[in-house]
Amino acid sequence: PPYRRGTRSERGLRRKVLIVYPDIFRSPQLFAADFFLISRIVSHPKNTMLIIFDVDGTLIGGEAFDWRCFNDAFASASGITIGPNDWMELEEVTARSLVHHVLSDHPLKRIQQLETRIARAFLKNLQAADTQNQSVFQTTRGTSELLEFLQSDSRFDIAIATGDWIDSISFKLESAGITIAHFPHAPASDARK
């Protein structure tokens, strides 16, 4: 499904968890119906819900520009063109894992250097795309209202999880009018294994 549910208990407080993926916003009726049920579940004062949002395709649009910016950055920094199969071979779909996968025949130090160059080039490409068309990275339909509602209701906590790097995801969210610093967030490509 386009989301996962779970429950976590802490000292008598029951916390429901909903992780939201892009497909859920492609079906607003499904999300609205499920969100109504979730609201009822957490109506008990000891229940809260943590809702974790993915970013690209969920909170914001512009995926076609995003992919083009990433692919161009990868090619300019490494001299290698990414093919569609490169993404399909990944167990962990993050920018960092793609870099390490495609460049796996290079020494680790070289991969890390290229990753830094790719991340910087990616951010520059995103900024250039946004300068050319300021509507590239807009919130998806209903996102602003949903975030505002969730932030105003103490039964809900919001977090952001992404496979992007912090600089590029921060830029895209800021461009869409969402300040990532207002939410707990986890950019997987910045996590070191």
N, C-alpha and C. Protein backbone atom coordinates (compact mmCIF):
# COMPACT_ATOMS: atom_id res chain seq x y z
N PRO A 1 0.83 -1.20 0.00
CA PRO A 1 0.00 0.00 0.00
C PRO A 1 0.87 1.25 0.00
N PRO A 2 0.28 2.41 -0.24
CA PRO A 2 1.06 3.64 -0.29
C PRO A 2 1.40 4.18 1.09
N TYR A 3 1.12 3.43 2.12
CA TYR A 3 1.44 3.85 3.47
C TYR A 3 1.56 2.61 4.33
N ARG A 4 2.20 2.76 5.50
CA ARG A 4 2.31 1.67 6.45
C ARG A 4 1.79 2.15 7.79
N ARG A 5 1.17 1.25 8.51
CA ARG A 5 0.66 1.59 9.84
C ARG A 5 1.38 0.75 10.88
N GLY A 6 1.45 1.26 12.08
CA GLY A 6 2.03 0.52 13.19
C GLY A 6 1.61 1.16 14.49
N THR A 7 1.91 0.51 15.59
CA THR A 7 1.59 1.05 16.90
C THR A 7 2.82 0.91 17.78
N ARG A 8 3.04 1.91 18.60
CA ARG A 8 4.16 1.88 19.54
C ARG A 8 3.65 2.40 20.87
N SER A 9 3.92 1.69 21.95
CA SER A 9 3.47 2.12 23.27
C SER A 9 4.65 2.63 24.08
N GLU A 10 4.41 3.72 24.79
CA GLU A 10 5.40 4.30 25.69
C GLU A 10 4.69 4.79 26.93
N ARG A 11 4.94 4.17 28.07
CA ARG A 11 4.39 4.61 29.36
C ARG A 11 2.88 4.92 29.29
N GLY A 12 2.12 4.00 28.77
CA GLY A 12 0.68 4.18 28.72
C GLY A 12 0.18 5.02 27.56
N LEU A 13 1.09 5.64 26.84
CA LEU A 13 0.72 6.44 25.69
C LEU A 13 0.81 5.54 24.46
N ARG A 14 -0.27 5.45 23.74
CA ARG A 14 -0.25 4.65 22.52
C ARG A 14 -0.02 5.58 21.35
N ARG A 15 0.99 5.29 20.59
CA ARG A 15 1.30 6.12 19.43
C ARG A 15 1.11 5.30 18.17
N LYS A 16 0.23 5.75 17.34
CA LYS A 16 0.03 5.15 16.03
C LYS A 16 1.01 5.82 15.07
N VAL A 17 1.49 5.05 14.12
CA VAL A 17 2.44 5.57 13.14
C VAL A 17 1.88 5.34 11.75
N LEU A 18 1.90 6.37 10.94
CA LEU A 18 1.48 6.29 9.55
C LEU A 18 2.63 6.84 8.72
N ILE A 19 3.12 6.03 7.80
CA ILE A 19 4.19 6.48 6.90
C ILE A 19 3.55 6.70 5.54
N VAL A 20 3.66 7.90 5.00
CA VAL A 20 2.97 8.28 3.77
C VAL A 20 3.95 8.31 2.60
N TYR A 21 3.63 7.53 1.56
CA TYR A 21 4.41 7.45 0.33
C TYR A 21 3.70 8.20 -0.78
N PRO A 22 4.37 8.41 -1.91
CA PRO A 22 3.76 9.21 -2.98
C PRO A 22 2.41 8.71 -3.48
N ASP A 23 2.20 7.42 -3.62
CA ASP A 23 0.97 6.91 -4.21
C ASP A 23 -0.28 7.32 -3.46
N ILE A 24 -0.17 7.59 -2.17
CA ILE A 24 -1.36 7.93 -1.40
C ILE A 24 -1.95 9.25 -1.88
N PHE A 25 -1.12 10.18 -2.34
CA PHE A 25 -1.64 11.46 -2.80
C PHE A 25 -2.14 11.39 -4.24
N ARG A 26 -1.88 10.29 -4.90
CA ARG A 26 -2.44 10.11 -6.23
C ARG A 26 -3.91 9.68 -6.12
N SER A 27 -4.33 9.33 -4.92
CA SER A 27 -5.71 8.95 -4.67
C SER A 27 -6.22 9.72 -3.45
N PRO A 28 -6.60 10.99 -3.63
CA PRO A 28 -7.02 11.81 -2.49
C PRO A 28 -8.22 11.24 -1.74
N GLN A 29 -9.11 10.54 -2.45
CA GLN A 29 -10.27 9.97 -1.77
C GLN A 29 -9.84 8.90 -0.78
N LEU A 30 -8.90 8.05 -1.19
CA LEU A 30 -8.38 7.02 -0.29
C LEU A 30 -7.76 7.66 0.94
N PHE A 31 -6.94 8.68 0.73
CA PHE A 31 -6.28 9.33 1.84
C PHE A 31 -7.29 9.99 2.77
N ALA A 32 -8.27 10.68 2.21
CA ALA A 32 -9.29 11.36 3.03
C ALA A 32 -10.07 10.36 3.86
N ALA A 33 -10.47 9.25 3.26
CA ALA A 33 -11.23 8.23 3.99
C ALA A 33 -10.39 7.62 5.10
N ASP A 34 -9.16 7.27 4.77
CA ASP A 34 -8.29 6.66 5.77
C ASP A 34 -7.94 7.66 6.86
N PHE A 35 -7.72 8.92 6.47
CA PHE A 35 -7.38 9.93 7.46
C PHE A 35 -8.53 10.13 8.44
N PHE A 36 -9.77 10.06 7.96
CA PHE A 36 -10.93 10.16 8.84
C PHE A 36 -10.91 9.03 9.87
N LEU A 37 -10.65 7.82 9.41
CA LEU A 37 -10.59 6.67 10.33
C LEU A 37 -9.44 6.84 11.33
N ILE A 38 -8.31 7.32 10.84
CA ILE A 38 -7.16 7.53 11.73
C ILE A 38 -7.50 8.57 12.79
N SER A 39 -8.18 9.64 12.39
CA SER A 39 -8.57 10.68 13.35
C SER A 39 -9.43 10.09 14.46
N ARG A 40 -10.30 9.17 14.11
CA ARG A 40 -11.17 8.53 15.11
C ARG A 40 -10.35 7.64 16.04
N ILE A 41 -9.36 6.94 15.48
CA ILE A 41 -8.51 6.06 16.29
C ILE A 41 -7.78 6.85 17.36
N VAL A 42 -7.27 8.02 16.99
CA VAL A 42 -6.48 8.79 17.93
C VAL A 42 -7.33 9.75 18.76
N SER A 43 -8.64 9.61 18.70
CA SER A 43 -9.50 10.52 19.46
C SER A 43 -9.40 10.29 20.96
N HIS A 44 -8.92 9.13 21.37
CA HIS A 44 -8.70 8.87 22.79
C HIS A 44 -7.55 9.76 23.25
N PRO A 45 -7.67 10.41 24.42
CA PRO A 45 -6.64 11.36 24.85
C PRO A 45 -5.25 10.75 25.04
N LYS A 46 -5.18 9.43 25.24
CA LYS A 46 -3.86 8.82 25.42
C LYS A 46 -3.28 8.32 24.10
N ASN A 47 -3.99 8.53 23.01
CA ASN A 47 -3.50 8.11 21.70
C ASN A 47 -2.95 9.30 20.94
N THR A 48 -1.81 9.12 20.34
CA THR A 48 -1.28 10.12 19.42
C THR A 48 -0.81 9.38 18.17
N MET A 49 -0.61 10.12 17.11
CA MET A 49 -0.15 9.51 15.88
C MET A 49 1.03 10.29 15.33
N LEU A 50 2.05 9.56 14.96
CA LEU A 50 3.19 10.13 14.25
C LEU A 50 2.97 9.84 12.78
N ILE A 51 2.95 10.88 11.96
CA ILE A 51 2.79 10.74 10.52
C ILE A 51 4.11 11.14 9.88
N ILE A 52 4.71 10.19 9.18
CA ILE A 52 6.00 10.41 8.53
C ILE A 52 5.76 10.54 7.03
N PHE A 53 6.12 11.68 6.49
CA PHE A 53 5.91 11.95 5.07
C PHE A 53 7.20 11.78 4.27
N ASP A 54 7.09 11.12 3.14
CA ASP A 54 8.13 11.17 2.13
C ASP A 54 7.99 12.56 1.47
N VAL A 55 8.96 12.97 0.67
CA VAL A 55 8.90 14.32 0.10
C VAL A 55 8.52 14.31 -1.38
N ASP A 56 9.39 13.79 -2.21
CA ASP A 56 9.19 13.87 -3.66
C ASP A 56 7.99 13.04 -4.09
N GLY A 57 7.00 13.73 -4.65
CA GLY A 57 5.78 13.07 -5.08
C GLY A 57 4.74 12.95 -3.98
N THR A 58 5.10 13.29 -2.76
CA THR A 58 4.16 13.25 -1.65
C THR A 58 3.87 14.67 -1.18
N LEU A 59 4.86 15.33 -0.61
CA LEU A 59 4.68 16.71 -0.16
C LEU A 59 4.83 17.70 -1.31
N ILE A 60 5.74 17.39 -2.24
CA ILE A 60 5.97 18.31 -3.36
C ILE A 60 5.98 17.55 -4.68
N GLY A 61 5.73 18.28 -5.75
CA GLY A 61 5.79 17.72 -7.10
C GLY A 61 7.14 18.04 -7.73
N GLY A 62 7.19 17.95 -9.03
CA GLY A 62 8.41 18.30 -9.75
C GLY A 62 9.37 17.15 -9.95
N GLU A 63 8.87 15.91 -9.85
CA GLU A 63 9.76 14.76 -9.95
C GLU A 63 10.52 14.71 -11.27
N ALA A 64 9.88 15.08 -12.38
CA ALA A 64 10.55 15.03 -13.68
C ALA A 64 11.76 15.96 -13.70
N PHE A 65 11.60 17.16 -13.13
CA PHE A 65 12.72 18.10 -13.05
C PHE A 65 13.79 17.57 -12.10
N ASP A 66 13.34 16.99 -11.00
CA ASP A 66 14.25 16.44 -10.01
C ASP A 66 15.14 15.35 -10.63
N TRP A 67 14.51 14.41 -11.35
CA TRP A 67 15.27 13.32 -11.98
C TRP A 67 16.26 13.88 -12.99
N ARG A 68 15.81 14.82 -13.80
CA ARG A 68 16.70 15.40 -14.81
C ARG A 68 17.89 16.09 -14.14
N CYS A 69 17.61 16.85 -13.09
CA CYS A 69 18.69 17.54 -12.38
C CYS A 69 19.68 16.55 -11.78
N PHE A 70 19.16 15.47 -11.20
CA PHE A 70 20.04 14.46 -10.60
C PHE A 70 20.87 13.75 -11.67
N ASN A 71 20.21 13.30 -12.74
CA ASN A 71 20.92 12.57 -13.79
C ASN A 71 21.99 13.44 -14.44
N ASP A 72 21.69 14.72 -14.69
CA ASP A 72 22.67 15.64 -15.27
C ASP A 72 23.84 15.86 -14.30
N ALA A 73 23.55 15.98 -13.02
CA ALA A 73 24.61 16.16 -12.02
C ALA A 73 25.50 14.93 -11.96
N PHE A 74 24.89 13.77 -11.99
CA PHE A 74 25.66 12.52 -11.94
C PHE A 74 26.59 12.43 -13.14
N ALA A 75 26.05 12.69 -14.34
CA ALA A 75 26.85 12.60 -15.56
C ALA A 75 27.97 13.63 -15.58
N SER A 76 27.66 14.87 -15.17
CA SER A 76 28.70 15.91 -15.22
C SER A 76 29.80 15.67 -14.19
N ALA A 77 29.45 15.14 -13.03
CA ALA A 77 30.45 14.93 -11.97
C ALA A 77 31.25 13.63 -12.15
N SER A 78 30.61 12.61 -12.72
CA SER A 78 31.28 11.31 -12.79
C SER A 78 31.62 10.86 -14.21
N GLY A 79 30.98 11.48 -15.20
CA GLY A 79 31.19 11.05 -16.58
C GLY A 79 30.39 9.81 -16.94
N ILE A 80 29.49 9.39 -16.06
CA ILE A 80 28.68 8.18 -16.27
C ILE A 80 27.21 8.56 -16.35
N THR A 81 26.52 7.96 -17.31
CA THR A 81 25.09 8.20 -17.45
C THR A 81 24.33 7.11 -16.71
N ILE A 82 23.35 7.52 -15.94
CA ILE A 82 22.53 6.58 -15.18
C ILE A 82 21.44 6.03 -16.09
N GLY A 83 21.26 4.72 -16.05
CA GLY A 83 20.19 4.08 -16.80
C GLY A 83 19.04 3.72 -15.89
N PRO A 84 17.86 3.47 -16.45
CA PRO A 84 16.69 3.13 -15.61
C PRO A 84 16.90 1.87 -14.78
N ASN A 85 17.70 0.94 -15.29
CA ASN A 85 17.94 -0.30 -14.53
C ASN A 85 18.78 -0.06 -13.28
N ASP A 86 19.57 1.01 -13.29
CA ASP A 86 20.40 1.30 -12.11
C ASP A 86 19.53 1.51 -10.88
N TRP A 87 18.40 2.19 -11.04
CA TRP A 87 17.49 2.41 -9.91
C TRP A 87 16.80 1.12 -9.50
N MET A 88 16.44 0.31 -10.49
CA MET A 88 15.69 -0.92 -10.19
C MET A 88 16.52 -1.96 -9.44
N GLU A 89 17.83 -1.87 -9.54
CA GLU A 89 18.71 -2.83 -8.88
C GLU A 89 18.96 -2.49 -7.42
N LEU A 90 18.48 -1.35 -6.97
CA LEU A 90 18.76 -0.90 -5.61
C LEU A 90 17.81 -1.53 -4.59
N GLU A 91 18.37 -1.96 -3.46
CA GLU A 91 17.54 -2.38 -2.34
C GLU A 91 17.08 -1.17 -1.55
N GLU A 92 17.95 -0.18 -1.46
CA GLU A 92 17.69 1.06 -0.73
C GLU A 92 17.68 2.19 -1.75
N VAL A 93 16.51 2.77 -2.00
CA VAL A 93 16.40 3.78 -3.04
C VAL A 93 16.67 5.16 -2.45
N THR A 94 17.95 5.49 -2.42
CA THR A 94 18.39 6.81 -1.98
C THR A 94 19.42 7.33 -2.97
N ALA A 95 19.63 8.63 -2.95
CA ALA A 95 20.63 9.22 -3.83
C ALA A 95 22.01 8.62 -3.53
N ARG A 96 22.31 8.51 -2.26
CA ARG A 96 23.62 7.99 -1.85
C ARG A 96 23.81 6.55 -2.30
N SER A 97 22.80 5.71 -2.12
CA SER A 97 22.96 4.31 -2.49
C SER A 97 23.11 4.16 -4.01
N LEU A 98 22.45 5.02 -4.78
CA LEU A 98 22.62 4.97 -6.23
C LEU A 98 24.05 5.32 -6.61
N VAL A 99 24.58 6.37 -6.01
CA VAL A 99 25.96 6.78 -6.29
C VAL A 99 26.91 5.62 -5.98
N HIS A 100 26.76 5.03 -4.82
CA HIS A 100 27.66 3.94 -4.42
C HIS A 100 27.47 2.70 -5.29
N HIS A 101 26.25 2.44 -5.71
CA HIS A 101 25.97 1.28 -6.56
C HIS A 101 26.60 1.44 -7.95
N VAL A 102 26.33 2.57 -8.58
CA VAL A 102 26.82 2.78 -9.95
C VAL A 102 28.34 2.91 -9.98
N LEU A 103 28.91 3.46 -8.93
CA LEU A 103 30.37 3.66 -8.89
C LEU A 103 31.08 2.58 -8.10
N SER A 104 30.46 1.44 -7.91
CA SER A 104 31.00 0.39 -7.03
C SER A 104 32.36 -0.15 -7.46
N ASP A 105 32.74 0.05 -8.71
CA ASP A 105 34.06 -0.43 -9.15
C ASP A 105 35.18 0.55 -8.82
N HIS A 106 34.84 1.70 -8.23
CA HIS A 106 35.83 2.69 -7.82
C HIS A 106 36.22 2.46 -6.36
N PRO A 107 37.40 2.93 -5.96
CA PRO A 107 37.76 2.87 -4.52
C PRO A 107 36.81 3.74 -3.69
N LEU A 108 36.60 3.36 -2.45
CA LEU A 108 35.65 4.05 -1.58
C LEU A 108 35.95 5.54 -1.47
N LYS A 109 37.21 5.91 -1.32
CA LYS A 109 37.55 7.33 -1.19
C LYS A 109 37.13 8.10 -2.44
N ARG A 110 37.31 7.51 -3.61
CA ARG A 110 36.92 8.15 -4.87
C ARG A 110 35.40 8.27 -4.96
N ILE A 111 34.68 7.24 -4.52
CA ILE A 111 33.21 7.28 -4.52
C ILE A 111 32.74 8.43 -3.63
N GLN A 112 33.34 8.58 -2.46
CA GLN A 112 32.94 9.64 -1.53
C GLN A 112 33.21 11.02 -2.13
N GLN A 113 34.34 11.16 -2.82
CA GLN A 113 34.64 12.44 -3.48
C GLN A 113 33.61 12.74 -4.56
N LEU A 114 33.30 11.73 -5.36
CA LEU A 114 32.32 11.92 -6.43
C LEU A 114 30.93 12.17 -5.86
N GLU A 115 30.59 11.52 -4.76
CA GLU A 115 29.29 11.76 -4.14
C GLU A 115 29.15 13.22 -3.73
N THR A 116 30.19 13.79 -3.15
CA THR A 116 30.17 15.20 -2.76
C THR A 116 29.99 16.09 -3.98
N ARG A 117 30.71 15.78 -5.05
CA ARG A 117 30.58 16.58 -6.29
C ARG A 117 29.18 16.44 -6.89
N ILE A 118 28.65 15.23 -6.89
CA ILE A 118 27.32 15.00 -7.45
C ILE A 118 26.27 15.75 -6.64
N ALA A 119 26.37 15.67 -5.30
CA ALA A 119 25.39 16.35 -4.44
C ALA A 119 25.42 17.86 -4.67
N ARG A 120 26.62 18.42 -4.81
CA ARG A 120 26.75 19.87 -5.06
C ARG A 120 26.18 20.24 -6.43
N ALA A 121 26.51 19.44 -7.45
CA ALA A 121 26.01 19.70 -8.80
C ALA A 121 24.49 19.55 -8.85
N PHE A 122 23.97 18.58 -8.12
CA PHE A 122 22.53 18.37 -8.05
C PHE A 122 21.83 19.60 -7.48
N LEU A 123 22.36 20.13 -6.37
CA LEU A 123 21.77 21.32 -5.76
C LEU A 123 21.81 22.50 -6.74
N LYS A 124 22.93 22.69 -7.42
CA LYS A 124 23.04 23.78 -8.40
C LYS A 124 22.03 23.60 -9.52
N ASN A 125 21.84 22.36 -9.98
CA ASN A 125 20.87 22.10 -11.04
C ASN A 125 19.44 22.38 -10.56
N LEU A 126 19.14 22.00 -9.33
CA LEU A 126 17.82 22.28 -8.77
C LEU A 126 17.57 23.78 -8.70
N GLN A 127 18.59 24.51 -8.24
CA GLN A 127 18.47 25.96 -8.13
C GLN A 127 18.26 26.60 -9.50
N ALA A 128 18.97 26.10 -10.50
CA ALA A 128 18.82 26.63 -11.86
C ALA A 128 17.42 26.32 -12.40
N ALA A 129 16.93 25.12 -12.17
CA ALA A 129 15.58 24.75 -12.63
C ALA A 129 14.53 25.63 -11.96
N ASP A 130 14.72 25.89 -10.67
CA ASP A 130 13.78 26.73 -9.93
C ASP A 130 13.83 28.18 -10.41
N THR A 131 15.02 28.67 -10.75
CA THR A 131 15.17 30.03 -11.26
C THR A 131 14.45 30.18 -12.61
N GLN A 132 14.56 29.15 -13.44
CA GLN A 132 13.91 29.19 -14.76
C GLN A 132 12.39 29.06 -14.65
N ASN A 133 11.92 28.32 -13.66
CA ASN A 133 10.49 28.08 -13.52
C ASN A 133 10.17 27.92 -12.04
N GLN A 134 9.71 28.99 -11.41
CA GLN A 134 9.50 28.96 -9.96
C GLN A 134 8.33 28.11 -9.52
N SER A 135 7.62 27.51 -10.46
CA SER A 135 6.53 26.61 -10.07
C SER A 135 6.95 25.14 -10.16
N VAL A 136 8.25 24.90 -10.35
CA VAL A 136 8.74 23.53 -10.49
C VAL A 136 8.47 22.71 -9.23
N PHE A 137 8.85 23.22 -8.09
CA PHE A 137 8.72 22.46 -6.85
C PHE A 137 7.62 23.08 -5.99
N GLN A 138 6.39 22.77 -6.33
CA GLN A 138 5.24 23.24 -5.57
C GLN A 138 4.71 22.11 -4.71
N THR A 139 4.00 22.49 -3.66
CA THR A 139 3.37 21.46 -2.84
C THR A 139 2.31 20.74 -3.67
N THR A 140 2.12 19.47 -3.36
CA THR A 140 1.05 18.73 -4.01
C THR A 140 -0.29 19.23 -3.48
N ARG A 141 -1.34 18.95 -4.22
CA ARG A 141 -2.67 19.46 -3.88
C ARG A 141 -3.07 19.05 -2.46
N GLY A 142 -3.42 20.04 -1.65
CA GLY A 142 -3.91 19.81 -0.30
C GLY A 142 -2.83 19.69 0.76
N THR A 143 -1.57 19.68 0.35
CA THR A 143 -0.48 19.47 1.31
C THR A 143 -0.40 20.59 2.34
N SER A 144 -0.44 21.83 1.90
CA SER A 144 -0.31 22.96 2.84
C SER A 144 -1.41 22.92 3.89
N GLU A 145 -2.63 22.67 3.46
CA GLU A 145 -3.76 22.62 4.38
C GLU A 145 -3.63 21.44 5.34
N LEU A 146 -3.21 20.30 4.81
CA LEU A 146 -3.05 19.11 5.65
C LEU A 146 -1.98 19.33 6.72
N LEU A 147 -0.83 19.87 6.31
CA LEU A 147 0.25 20.12 7.28
C LEU A 147 -0.20 21.12 8.34
N GLU A 148 -0.90 22.16 7.92
CA GLU A 148 -1.40 23.16 8.86
C GLU A 148 -2.36 22.51 9.87
N PHE A 149 -3.26 21.68 9.37
CA PHE A 149 -4.20 21.00 10.25
C PHE A 149 -3.47 20.09 11.24
N LEU A 150 -2.55 19.28 10.73
CA LEU A 150 -1.84 18.33 11.60
C LEU A 150 -1.01 19.06 12.66
N GLN A 151 -0.39 20.17 12.28
CA GLN A 151 0.41 20.94 13.24
C GLN A 151 -0.47 21.57 14.32
N SER A 152 -1.71 21.87 14.00
CA SER A 152 -2.59 22.53 14.97
C SER A 152 -3.27 21.55 15.93
N ASP A 153 -3.16 20.26 15.67
CA ASP A 153 -3.84 19.25 16.47
C ASP A 153 -2.80 18.47 17.28
N SER A 154 -2.87 18.54 18.59
CA SER A 154 -1.88 17.92 19.46
C SER A 154 -1.86 16.40 19.38
N ARG A 155 -2.86 15.81 18.74
CA ARG A 155 -2.87 14.35 18.60
C ARG A 155 -1.90 13.86 17.54
N PHE A 156 -1.38 14.79 16.73
CA PHE A 156 -0.54 14.40 15.62
C PHE A 156 0.84 15.02 15.73
N ASP A 157 1.84 14.22 15.42
CA ASP A 157 3.20 14.69 15.24
C ASP A 157 3.58 14.38 13.80
N ILE A 158 4.39 15.24 13.22
CA ILE A 158 4.78 15.10 11.83
C ILE A 158 6.29 14.97 11.75
N ALA A 159 6.75 14.11 10.85
CA ALA A 159 8.18 13.99 10.57
C ALA A 159 8.34 13.82 9.06
N ILE A 160 9.56 14.06 8.58
CA ILE A 160 9.86 13.94 7.16
C ILE A 160 11.00 12.95 7.00
N ALA A 161 10.81 12.01 6.09
CA ALA A 161 11.85 11.05 5.74
C ALA A 161 12.07 11.13 4.23
N THR A 162 13.32 11.07 3.81
CA THR A 162 13.62 11.20 2.38
C THR A 162 14.90 10.44 2.05
N GLY A 163 15.02 10.09 0.80
CA GLY A 163 16.24 9.44 0.33
C GLY A 163 17.22 10.42 -0.26
N ASP A 164 16.93 11.69 -0.12
CA ASP A 164 17.73 12.77 -0.69
C ASP A 164 18.81 13.22 0.30
N TRP A 165 19.66 14.14 -0.14
CA TRP A 165 20.62 14.79 0.75
C TRP A 165 19.94 15.99 1.40
N ILE A 166 20.40 16.40 2.56
CA ILE A 166 19.75 17.47 3.32
C ILE A 166 19.73 18.79 2.54
N ASP A 167 20.82 19.14 1.86
CA ASP A 167 20.86 20.42 1.15
C ASP A 167 19.85 20.47 0.01
N SER A 168 19.77 19.41 -0.77
CA SER A 168 18.85 19.42 -1.91
C SER A 168 17.40 19.31 -1.44
N ILE A 169 17.12 18.50 -0.44
CA ILE A 169 15.73 18.38 0.01
C ILE A 169 15.29 19.66 0.71
N SER A 170 16.18 20.29 1.45
CA SER A 170 15.84 21.56 2.09
C SER A 170 15.51 22.61 1.04
N PHE A 171 16.31 22.66 -0.03
CA PHE A 171 16.05 23.63 -1.09
C PHE A 171 14.68 23.40 -1.72
N LYS A 172 14.39 22.15 -2.08
CA LYS A 172 13.11 21.86 -2.75
C LYS A 172 11.93 22.19 -1.84
N LEU A 173 12.03 21.82 -0.57
CA LEU A 173 10.94 22.11 0.36
C LEU A 173 10.78 23.62 0.57
N GLU A 174 11.88 24.33 0.76
CA GLU A 174 11.82 25.79 0.92
C GLU A 174 11.20 26.44 -0.31
N SER A 175 11.57 25.94 -1.48
CA SER A 175 11.00 26.47 -2.72
C SER A 175 9.49 26.28 -2.76
N ALA A 176 9.02 25.20 -2.12
CA ALA A 176 7.58 24.92 -2.06
C ALA A 176 6.90 25.60 -0.88
N GLY A 177 7.68 26.30 -0.05
CA GLY A 177 7.09 27.00 1.09
C GLY A 177 7.04 26.17 2.37
N ILE A 178 7.79 25.08 2.43
CA ILE A 178 7.84 24.23 3.62
C ILE A 178 9.23 24.32 4.22
N THR A 179 9.32 24.69 5.48
CA THR A 179 10.61 24.80 6.15
C THR A 179 10.90 23.49 6.87
N ILE A 180 11.90 22.77 6.39
CA ILE A 180 12.20 21.44 6.93
C ILE A 180 12.60 21.52 8.40
N ALA A 181 13.18 22.63 8.82
CA ALA A 181 13.60 22.77 10.22
C ALA A 181 12.42 22.75 11.19
N HIS A 182 11.19 22.95 10.69
CA HIS A 182 10.01 22.91 11.56
C HIS A 182 9.59 21.49 11.92
N PHE A 183 10.23 20.50 11.29
CA PHE A 183 9.83 19.11 11.49
C PHE A 183 11.04 18.24 11.80
N PRO A 184 10.87 17.23 12.64
CA PRO A 184 11.95 16.23 12.73
C PRO A 184 12.11 15.63 11.33
N HIS A 185 13.33 15.40 10.92
CA HIS A 185 13.55 14.89 9.57
C HIS A 185 14.75 13.94 9.53
N ALA A 186 14.70 13.05 8.53
CA ALA A 186 15.76 12.06 8.36
C ALA A 186 16.08 11.91 6.89
N PRO A 187 17.11 12.61 6.41
CA PRO A 187 17.55 12.43 5.03
C PRO A 187 18.49 11.23 4.95
N ALA A 188 18.02 10.15 4.38
CA ALA A 188 18.76 8.89 4.38
C ALA A 188 20.10 8.98 3.67
N SER A 189 20.23 9.86 2.69
CA SER A 189 21.49 9.95 1.97
C SER A 189 22.59 10.62 2.78
N ASP A 190 22.25 11.27 3.88
CA ASP A 190 23.26 11.85 4.75
C ASP A 190 23.67 10.91 5.88
N ALA A 191 22.95 9.82 6.03
CA ALA A 191 23.28 8.84 7.07
C ALA A 191 24.47 8.00 6.59
N ARG A 192 25.44 7.87 7.43
CA ARG A 192 26.62 7.06 7.10
C ARG A 192 26.48 5.68 7.71
N LYS A 193 26.81 4.70 6.92
CA LYS A 193 26.72 3.31 7.41
C LYS A 193 28.01 2.90 8.06
